[in-house]
Amino acid sequence: MADFTGLRPPAMISGAPHGMRRRLRRVLTLALGLVAGVVQAQDLHQDLPDLQTCLDIEADRYEWSRIIHRKRSLEAADFALWNVLGVEYCGNIAITLCDRSETPIACQQALITQQLALHDKVLASLPAPDSLADAGGEASLPWRLYPVAYDLALGTSAGPDCEGSEDPILTWCGAREANNRLQNAVLAWQVGRYLEIAPGAIAAGWARVPPPVRPRERPRERPSGRPER
């Protein structure tokens, strides 16, 4: 965030007549406020990842979760191995960034196209369930779930969910529906990845190496030596 506390009024203000000084100060205050607003908006944009970066992080998070929970019982209730709430979050963040842009509707229309393209790319990396008919362990939960998740990713909405709406709601609804389809594809990928029949997201080409995680700032210590909370 920009800090304007150190700025002093220009010499032209101090040397102007009283009435003009007041008007100049108002103009200067307004200008500084506008600049601060622009800087704050830029900071908000920088704090939110774009859709692709967010998905990169989400795919990497799943790989970590898959390795950590690989040997745990699937009946354990304290963890969720197949979960696409992160994909929904990425879509919501992308819509938020579009809302903050100068052309929110055009941005969300591009977001629809991007999410549908990602859906197709994820799905193209997955083997068809029919080709796995002779695989071992078909009776287990993951093997029963995979064809269901795959068919769900292939399907379309049961009805025109966005029909009758007008922009901006129409485009927003379309972006949400595209994200739902992407979630279905990623769910099928997660199950396939668990079964080791699907390639990693980076190898499949729909994700990249995620950005490095920023280290957390260490708590400042009080004069007494105790860290501040």
Protein backbone atom coordinates (compact mmCIF):
# COMPACT_ATOMS: atom_id res chain seq x y z
CA MET A 1 0.00 0.00 0.00
CA ALA A 2 1.29 3.42 -0.93
CA ASP A 3 2.12 5.81 1.90
CA PHE A 4 1.50 9.50 1.28
CA THR A 5 2.00 10.69 4.86
CA GLY A 6 5.41 12.14 4.07
CA LEU A 7 4.19 14.41 1.28
CA ARG A 8 4.09 18.16 1.86
CA PRO A 9 1.96 20.68 -0.04
CA PRO A 10 3.76 22.25 -2.99
CA ALA A 11 5.18 25.74 -2.65
CA MET A 12 2.60 27.05 -5.12
CA ILE A 13 -0.13 26.36 -2.55
CA SER A 14 1.54 28.21 0.33
CA GLY A 15 2.16 31.19 -1.92
CA ALA A 16 -1.35 31.44 -3.35
CA PRO A 17 -4.22 33.59 -2.02
CA HIS A 18 -6.30 32.09 0.76
CA GLY A 19 -9.30 31.12 -1.40
CA MET A 20 -7.13 29.60 -4.09
CA ARG A 21 -5.10 27.70 -1.49
CA ARG A 22 -8.25 25.98 -0.27
CA ARG A 23 -9.25 24.97 -3.80
CA LEU A 24 -5.73 23.75 -4.61
CA ARG A 25 -5.63 21.70 -1.44
CA ARG A 26 -8.95 20.08 -2.37
CA VAL A 27 -7.67 19.23 -5.83
CA LEU A 28 -4.44 17.82 -4.41
CA THR A 29 -6.32 15.77 -1.81
CA LEU A 30 -8.63 14.36 -4.47
CA ALA A 31 -5.69 13.49 -6.73
CA LEU A 32 -3.87 11.70 -3.92
CA GLY A 33 -7.03 9.80 -3.07
CA LEU A 34 -7.43 8.65 -6.65
CA VAL A 35 -3.81 7.52 -6.81
CA ALA A 36 -4.18 5.63 -3.53
CA GLY A 37 -7.32 3.94 -4.89
CA VAL A 38 -5.51 2.80 -8.02
CA VAL A 39 -2.59 1.47 -5.96
CA GLN A 40 -4.98 -0.38 -3.66
CA ALA A 41 -6.81 -1.93 -6.63
CA GLN A 42 -3.47 -3.07 -8.06
CA ASP A 43 -2.55 -4.62 -4.70
CA LEU A 44 -5.88 -6.50 -4.61
CA HIS A 45 -5.22 -7.87 -8.10
CA GLN A 46 -1.74 -8.99 -7.09
CA ASP A 47 -3.10 -10.85 -4.06
CA LEU A 48 -5.37 -13.09 -6.18
CA PRO A 49 -3.98 -15.72 -8.59
CA ASP A 50 -5.40 -16.04 -12.08
CA LEU A 51 -7.33 -19.19 -12.99
CA GLN A 52 -4.38 -21.12 -14.43
CA THR A 53 -2.06 -20.32 -11.52
CA CYS A 54 -4.77 -21.27 -9.05
CA LEU A 55 -5.28 -24.61 -10.81
CA ASP A 56 -1.52 -25.19 -10.80
CA ILE A 57 -1.59 -24.85 -7.02
CA GLU A 58 -4.66 -27.05 -6.71
CA ALA A 59 -3.20 -29.86 -8.82
CA ASP A 60 0.01 -29.76 -6.79
CA ARG A 61 -2.02 -29.83 -3.56
CA TYR A 62 -3.80 -32.98 -4.70
CA GLU A 63 -0.52 -34.71 -5.55
CA TRP A 64 0.71 -33.95 -2.04
CA SER A 65 -2.55 -35.22 -0.53
CA ARG A 66 -2.43 -38.37 -2.63
CA ILE A 67 1.08 -39.20 -1.44
CA ILE A 68 0.35 -38.41 2.20
CA HIS A 69 -2.86 -40.48 2.34
CA ARG A 70 -1.83 -43.23 -0.05
CA LYS A 71 -1.65 -45.96 2.59
CA ARG A 72 -4.58 -44.80 4.66
CA SER A 73 -7.87 -46.61 4.72
CA LEU A 74 -10.48 -45.13 2.40
CA GLU A 75 -13.01 -45.63 5.18
CA ALA A 76 -11.23 -43.03 7.34
CA ALA A 77 -13.57 -40.13 7.97
CA ASP A 78 -11.01 -37.48 8.85
CA PHE A 79 -9.79 -36.71 5.32
CA ALA A 80 -11.29 -36.21 1.86
CA LEU A 81 -9.09 -37.54 -0.91
CA TRP A 82 -11.34 -36.69 -3.85
CA ASN A 83 -12.45 -33.11 -3.42
CA VAL A 84 -12.84 -30.39 -6.08
CA LEU A 85 -13.83 -27.48 -3.85
CA GLY A 86 -10.46 -25.98 -4.73
CA VAL A 87 -11.43 -25.91 -8.42
CA GLU A 88 -14.64 -24.10 -7.52
CA TYR A 89 -12.58 -21.63 -5.47
CA CYS A 90 -10.32 -21.01 -8.47
CA GLY A 91 -13.36 -20.25 -10.60
CA ASN A 92 -14.76 -17.85 -8.02
CA ILE A 93 -11.43 -16.04 -7.79
CA ALA A 94 -11.30 -15.74 -11.58
CA ILE A 95 -14.80 -14.23 -11.64
CA THR A 96 -13.77 -11.79 -8.94
CA LEU A 97 -10.78 -10.67 -11.00
CA CYS A 98 -13.08 -10.18 -13.98
CA ASP A 99 -15.46 -8.10 -11.87
CA ARG A 100 -12.56 -5.84 -10.95
CA SER A 101 -11.44 -5.45 -14.56
CA GLU A 102 -12.48 -2.69 -16.95
CA THR A 103 -14.44 -5.16 -19.12
CA PRO A 104 -16.02 -7.70 -16.72
CA ILE A 105 -18.43 -9.28 -19.21
CA ALA A 106 -15.81 -9.79 -21.93
CA CYS A 107 -13.42 -11.11 -19.28
CA GLN A 108 -15.95 -13.66 -18.04
CA GLN A 109 -16.75 -14.74 -21.60
CA ALA A 110 -13.06 -15.46 -22.09
CA LEU A 111 -13.11 -17.28 -18.74
CA ILE A 112 -15.91 -19.54 -20.01
CA THR A 113 -13.84 -20.46 -23.06
CA GLN A 114 -10.74 -21.07 -20.94
CA GLN A 115 -12.52 -23.35 -18.47
CA LEU A 116 -14.21 -25.41 -21.19
CA ALA A 117 -10.86 -25.81 -22.96
CA LEU A 118 -9.28 -27.00 -19.69
CA HIS A 119 -12.17 -29.42 -19.19
CA ASP A 120 -11.52 -30.95 -22.61
CA LYS A 121 -7.78 -31.15 -21.98
CA VAL A 122 -8.22 -32.88 -18.61
CA LEU A 123 -10.72 -35.32 -20.04
CA ALA A 124 -8.52 -36.12 -23.05
CA SER A 125 -5.75 -37.26 -20.69
CA LEU A 126 -7.95 -39.89 -19.02
CA PRO A 127 -8.37 -43.48 -20.24
CA ALA A 128 -11.89 -44.58 -21.10
CA PRO A 129 -13.33 -46.94 -18.46
CA ASP A 130 -14.01 -49.59 -21.12
CA SER A 131 -10.29 -49.90 -21.74
CA LEU A 132 -9.78 -50.85 -18.08
CA ALA A 133 -12.16 -53.78 -18.01
CA ASP A 134 -9.38 -56.26 -17.27
CA ALA A 135 -7.69 -54.15 -14.58
CA GLY A 136 -7.35 -55.72 -11.16
CA GLY A 137 -9.38 -54.70 -8.15
CA GLU A 138 -12.52 -53.63 -10.01
CA ALA A 139 -14.67 -54.26 -6.95
CA SER A 140 -12.89 -51.68 -4.80
CA LEU A 141 -14.38 -48.23 -4.28
CA PRO A 142 -11.95 -46.28 -6.50
CA TRP A 143 -12.49 -48.67 -9.42
CA ARG A 144 -16.26 -48.36 -9.04
CA LEU A 145 -16.06 -44.58 -8.73
CA TYR A 146 -13.85 -43.93 -11.75
CA PRO A 147 -16.34 -44.83 -14.51
CA VAL A 148 -19.05 -42.84 -12.74
CA ALA A 149 -16.82 -39.77 -12.45
CA TYR A 150 -15.69 -40.20 -16.07
CA ASP A 151 -19.27 -40.37 -17.35
CA LEU A 152 -20.16 -37.34 -15.24
CA ALA A 153 -17.31 -35.38 -16.83
CA LEU A 154 -18.56 -36.39 -20.29
CA GLY A 155 -22.09 -35.23 -19.59
CA THR A 156 -23.72 -31.85 -19.97
CA SER A 157 -26.21 -29.91 -17.90
CA ALA A 158 -29.67 -31.43 -17.66
CA GLY A 159 -31.20 -28.13 -18.77
CA PRO A 160 -30.51 -24.56 -19.88
CA ASP A 161 -29.66 -23.30 -16.41
CA CYS A 162 -28.85 -19.77 -17.62
CA GLU A 163 -31.82 -19.36 -19.95
CA GLY A 164 -33.91 -16.27 -19.36
CA SER A 165 -31.10 -14.33 -17.72
CA GLU A 166 -29.55 -11.15 -19.04
CA ASP A 167 -26.06 -9.79 -18.67
CA PRO A 168 -24.28 -9.50 -16.36
CA ILE A 169 -26.08 -12.49 -14.74
CA LEU A 170 -26.13 -14.47 -18.00
CA THR A 171 -22.35 -14.39 -18.43
CA TRP A 172 -21.73 -14.96 -14.72
CA CYS A 173 -24.00 -18.02 -14.86
CA GLY A 174 -22.14 -19.31 -17.92
CA ALA A 175 -18.81 -18.95 -16.10
CA ARG A 176 -20.18 -20.89 -13.15
CA GLU A 177 -21.52 -23.66 -15.39
CA ALA A 178 -18.18 -23.93 -17.19
CA ASN A 179 -16.49 -24.26 -13.82
CA ASN A 180 -18.90 -27.04 -12.83
CA ARG A 181 -17.86 -28.98 -15.94
CA LEU A 182 -14.20 -28.39 -15.10
CA GLN A 183 -14.81 -29.67 -11.57
CA ASN A 184 -16.28 -32.90 -12.96
CA ALA A 185 -13.25 -33.46 -15.18
CA VAL A 186 -10.81 -32.80 -12.34
CA LEU A 187 -12.74 -35.18 -10.08
CA ALA A 188 -12.35 -37.95 -12.65
CA TRP A 189 -8.66 -37.07 -12.93
CA GLN A 190 -8.22 -37.26 -9.15
CA VAL A 191 -9.70 -40.75 -9.01
CA GLY A 192 -7.70 -41.85 -12.04
CA ARG A 193 -4.55 -40.41 -10.55
CA TYR A 194 -5.18 -42.31 -7.32
CA LEU A 195 -5.52 -45.50 -9.34
CA GLU A 196 -2.32 -44.60 -11.21
CA ILE A 197 -4.05 -44.85 -14.58
CA ALA A 198 -3.92 -41.09 -15.33
CA PRO A 199 -0.84 -38.91 -15.89
CA GLY A 200 0.06 -36.03 -13.65
CA ALA A 201 -1.48 -32.67 -14.46
CA ILE A 202 1.83 -31.20 -15.63
CA ALA A 203 2.57 -34.17 -17.87
CA ALA A 204 -0.97 -33.97 -19.26
CA GLY A 205 -0.42 -30.32 -20.14
CA TRP A 206 -3.27 -28.69 -18.21
CA ALA A 207 -1.20 -27.49 -15.25
CA ARG A 208 2.24 -26.02 -14.68
CA VAL A 209 4.73 -26.08 -11.85
CA PRO A 210 3.08 -23.97 -9.13
CA PRO A 211 4.70 -20.77 -7.90
CA PRO A 212 6.85 -21.07 -4.77
CA VAL A 213 5.11 -20.61 -1.46
CA ARG A 214 6.05 -17.39 0.28
CA PRO A 215 7.50 -17.97 3.75
CA ARG A 216 5.41 -16.61 6.58
CA GLU A 217 6.69 -13.53 8.34
CA ARG A 218 8.16 -14.35 11.71
CA PRO A 219 6.31 -12.75 14.63
CA ARG A 220 7.89 -9.62 16.00
CA GLU A 221 9.25 -9.87 19.51
CA ARG A 222 8.19 -7.58 22.29
CA PRO A 223 10.83 -5.85 24.46
CA SER A 224 10.20 -8.58 27.04
CA GLY A 225 11.33 -11.19 24.52
CA ARG A 226 7.90 -12.72 24.02
CA PRO A 227 6.58 -12.81 20.44
CA GLU A 228 3.58 -10.67 19.61
CA ARG A 229 0.39 -12.52 18.76
